[in-house]
Amino acid sequence: MITVRYFASIREKLGCADETLELPCGVDSVQDLLEYLKQQHGQLWEEGLKNSAVLVAVNQAVAKRSAAIKDGDEIAFFPPVTGG
């Protein structure tokens, strides 16, 4: 099982804060997971996660989309942080 968390504007757009799912066969990286989520959830997820500026964390450490994932991991998606 993996836990996927969505933060800030992504959470608002998707209407979902988190989900737990079995790690699908062949999903070995964050990018694979993104493609899987888009296929499973449809257009809303495609729009919510398509921005290349969306940041990713694996087990609370910022990661690249090429980062490996495994059973038991927590993957979080969040928009870039801005401040002033």
C-alpha atoms as a PDB file:
ATOM      1  CA  MET A   1       0.000   0.000   0.000  1.00  0.00           C
ATOM      2  CA  ILE A   2       1.083   3.568  -0.650  1.00  0.00           C
ATOM      3  CA  THR A   3      -0.381   6.810   0.618  1.00  0.00           C
ATOM      4  CA  VAL A   4      -0.840   9.663  -1.823  1.00  0.00           C
ATOM      5  CA  ARG A   5      -1.409  13.129  -0.382  1.00  0.00           C
ATOM      6  CA  TYR A   6      -2.549  16.284  -2.148  1.00  0.00           C
ATOM      7  CA  PHE A   7      -1.921  19.743  -0.701  1.00  0.00           C
ATOM      8  CA  ALA A   8      -3.167  23.326  -1.046  1.00  0.00           C
ATOM      9  CA  SER A   9      -4.651  24.260  -4.432  1.00  0.00           C
ATOM     10  CA  ILE A  10      -4.169  20.731  -5.770  1.00  0.00           C
ATOM     11  CA  ARG A  11      -6.279  19.332  -2.928  1.00  0.00           C
ATOM     12  CA  GLU A  12      -8.917  21.980  -3.564  1.00  0.00           C
ATOM     13  CA  LYS A  13      -9.047  21.273  -7.297  1.00  0.00           C
ATOM     14  CA  LEU A  14      -9.254  17.507  -6.851  1.00  0.00           C
ATOM     15  CA  GLY A  15     -11.564  17.604  -3.837  1.00  0.00           C
ATOM     16  CA  CYS A  16      -9.368  14.960  -2.212  1.00  0.00           C
ATOM     17  CA  ALA A  17      -6.763  15.297   0.539  1.00  0.00           C
ATOM     18  CA  ASP A  18      -5.313  11.795   0.361  1.00  0.00           C
ATOM     19  CA  GLU A  19      -5.852   8.250  -0.759  1.00  0.00           C
ATOM     20  CA  THR A  20      -4.359   4.882   0.036  1.00  0.00           C
ATOM     21  CA  LEU A  21      -3.929   2.356  -2.733  1.00  0.00           C
ATOM     22  CA  GLU A  22      -2.171  -0.834  -3.655  1.00  0.00           C
ATOM     23  CA  LEU A  23       0.976  -0.035  -5.594  1.00  0.00           C
ATOM     24  CA  PRO A  24       0.028  -1.155  -9.101  1.00  0.00           C
ATOM     25  CA  CYS A  25       2.313  -3.562 -10.944  1.00  0.00           C
ATOM     26  CA  GLY A  26       4.704  -1.651 -13.190  1.00  0.00           C
ATOM     27  CA  VAL A  27       4.400   1.601 -11.237  1.00  0.00           C
ATOM     28  CA  ASP A  28       7.979   2.081 -10.091  1.00  0.00           C
ATOM     29  CA  SER A  29       8.472   5.869 -10.153  1.00  0.00           C
ATOM     30  CA  VAL A  30       6.662   9.070  -9.322  1.00  0.00           C
ATOM     31  CA  GLN A  31       6.097   9.652 -13.056  1.00  0.00           C
ATOM     32  CA  ASP A  32       4.553   6.188 -13.404  1.00  0.00           C
ATOM     33  CA  LEU A  33       2.278   7.003 -10.474  1.00  0.00           C
ATOM     34  CA  LEU A  34       1.224  10.300 -12.049  1.00  0.00           C
ATOM     35  CA  GLU A  35       0.247   8.512 -15.252  1.00  0.00           C
ATOM     36  CA  TYR A  36      -1.611   5.832 -13.286  1.00  0.00           C
ATOM     37  CA  LEU A  37      -3.564   8.408 -11.250  1.00  0.00           C
ATOM     38  CA  LYS A  38      -4.539  10.295 -14.402  1.00  0.00           C
ATOM     39  CA  GLN A  39      -5.767   7.074 -16.030  1.00  0.00           C
ATOM     40  CA  GLN A  40      -7.691   5.957 -12.945  1.00  0.00           C
ATOM     41  CA  HIS A  41      -9.296   9.268 -12.017  1.00  0.00           C
ATOM     42  CA  GLY A  42      -9.728  10.946 -15.383  1.00  0.00           C
ATOM     43  CA  GLN A  43      -9.799  14.522 -16.590  1.00  0.00           C
ATOM     44  CA  LEU A  44      -9.875  16.238 -13.191  1.00  0.00           C
ATOM     45  CA  TRP A  45      -6.622  14.573 -12.122  1.00  0.00           C
ATOM     46  CA  GLU A  46      -5.112  15.219 -15.555  1.00  0.00           C
ATOM     47  CA  GLU A  47      -5.771  18.939 -15.081  1.00  0.00           C
ATOM     48  CA  GLY A  48      -4.822  19.029 -11.402  1.00  0.00           C
ATOM     49  CA  LEU A  49      -1.475  17.274 -11.811  1.00  0.00           C
ATOM     50  CA  LYS A  50      -0.382  18.334 -15.291  1.00  0.00           C
ATOM     51  CA  ASN A  51       1.576  21.414 -14.302  1.00  0.00           C
ATOM     52  CA  SER A  52       5.295  20.691 -14.505  1.00  0.00           C
ATOM     53  CA  ALA A  53       5.798  23.030 -11.535  1.00  0.00           C
ATOM     54  CA  VAL A  54       3.904  20.642  -9.228  1.00  0.00           C
ATOM     55  CA  LEU A  55       6.338  19.568  -6.521  1.00  0.00           C
ATOM     56  CA  VAL A  56       6.652  16.019  -5.276  1.00  0.00           C
ATOM     57  CA  ALA A  57       7.827  14.561  -1.988  1.00  0.00           C
ATOM     58  CA  VAL A  58       8.520  10.895  -1.330  1.00  0.00           C
ATOM     59  CA  ASN A  59       8.498  10.054   2.368  1.00  0.00           C
ATOM     60  CA  GLN A  60       8.583  13.779   3.190  1.00  0.00           C
ATOM     61  CA  ALA A  61      11.702  14.503   1.101  1.00  0.00           C
ATOM     62  CA  VAL A  62      11.437  16.570  -2.076  1.00  0.00           C
ATOM     63  CA  ALA A  63      11.954  14.278  -5.051  1.00  0.00           C
ATOM     64  CA  LYS A  64      12.142  14.314  -8.815  1.00  0.00           C
ATOM     65  CA  ARG A  65       9.483  12.691 -10.951  1.00  0.00           C
ATOM     66  CA  SER A  66      12.025  10.013 -11.831  1.00  0.00           C
ATOM     67  CA  ALA A  67      12.336   9.018  -8.145  1.00  0.00           C
ATOM     68  CA  ALA A  68      11.677   5.367  -7.380  1.00  0.00           C
ATOM     69  CA  ILE A  69       8.693   4.454  -5.217  1.00  0.00           C
ATOM     70  CA  LYS A  70       7.900   1.255  -3.383  1.00  0.00           C
ATOM     71  CA  ASP A  71       5.265  -0.318  -1.205  1.00  0.00           C
ATOM     72  CA  GLY A  72       4.838   1.587   2.061  1.00  0.00           C
ATOM     73  CA  ASP A  73       5.887   4.969   0.662  1.00  0.00           C
ATOM     74  CA  GLU A  74       4.056   8.257   1.108  1.00  0.00           C
ATOM     75  CA  ILE A  75       3.953  10.393  -2.027  1.00  0.00           C
ATOM     76  CA  ALA A  76       2.790  13.999  -1.768  1.00  0.00           C
ATOM     77  CA  PHE A  77       1.942  16.496  -4.503  1.00  0.00           C
ATOM     78  CA  PHE A  78       1.923  20.208  -3.786  1.00  0.00           C
ATOM     79  CA  PRO A  79       2.074  23.468  -5.741  1.00  0.00           C
ATOM     80  CA  PRO A  80       5.199  25.603  -5.724  1.00  0.00           C
ATOM     81  CA  VAL A  81       5.464  27.729  -2.607  1.00  0.00           C
ATOM     82  CA  THR A  82       5.511  31.470  -3.090  1.00  0.00           C
ATOM     83  CA  GLY A  83       5.904  34.180  -0.576  1.00  0.00           C
ATOM     84  CA  GLY A  84       6.607  37.788  -0.178  1.00  0.00           C
END
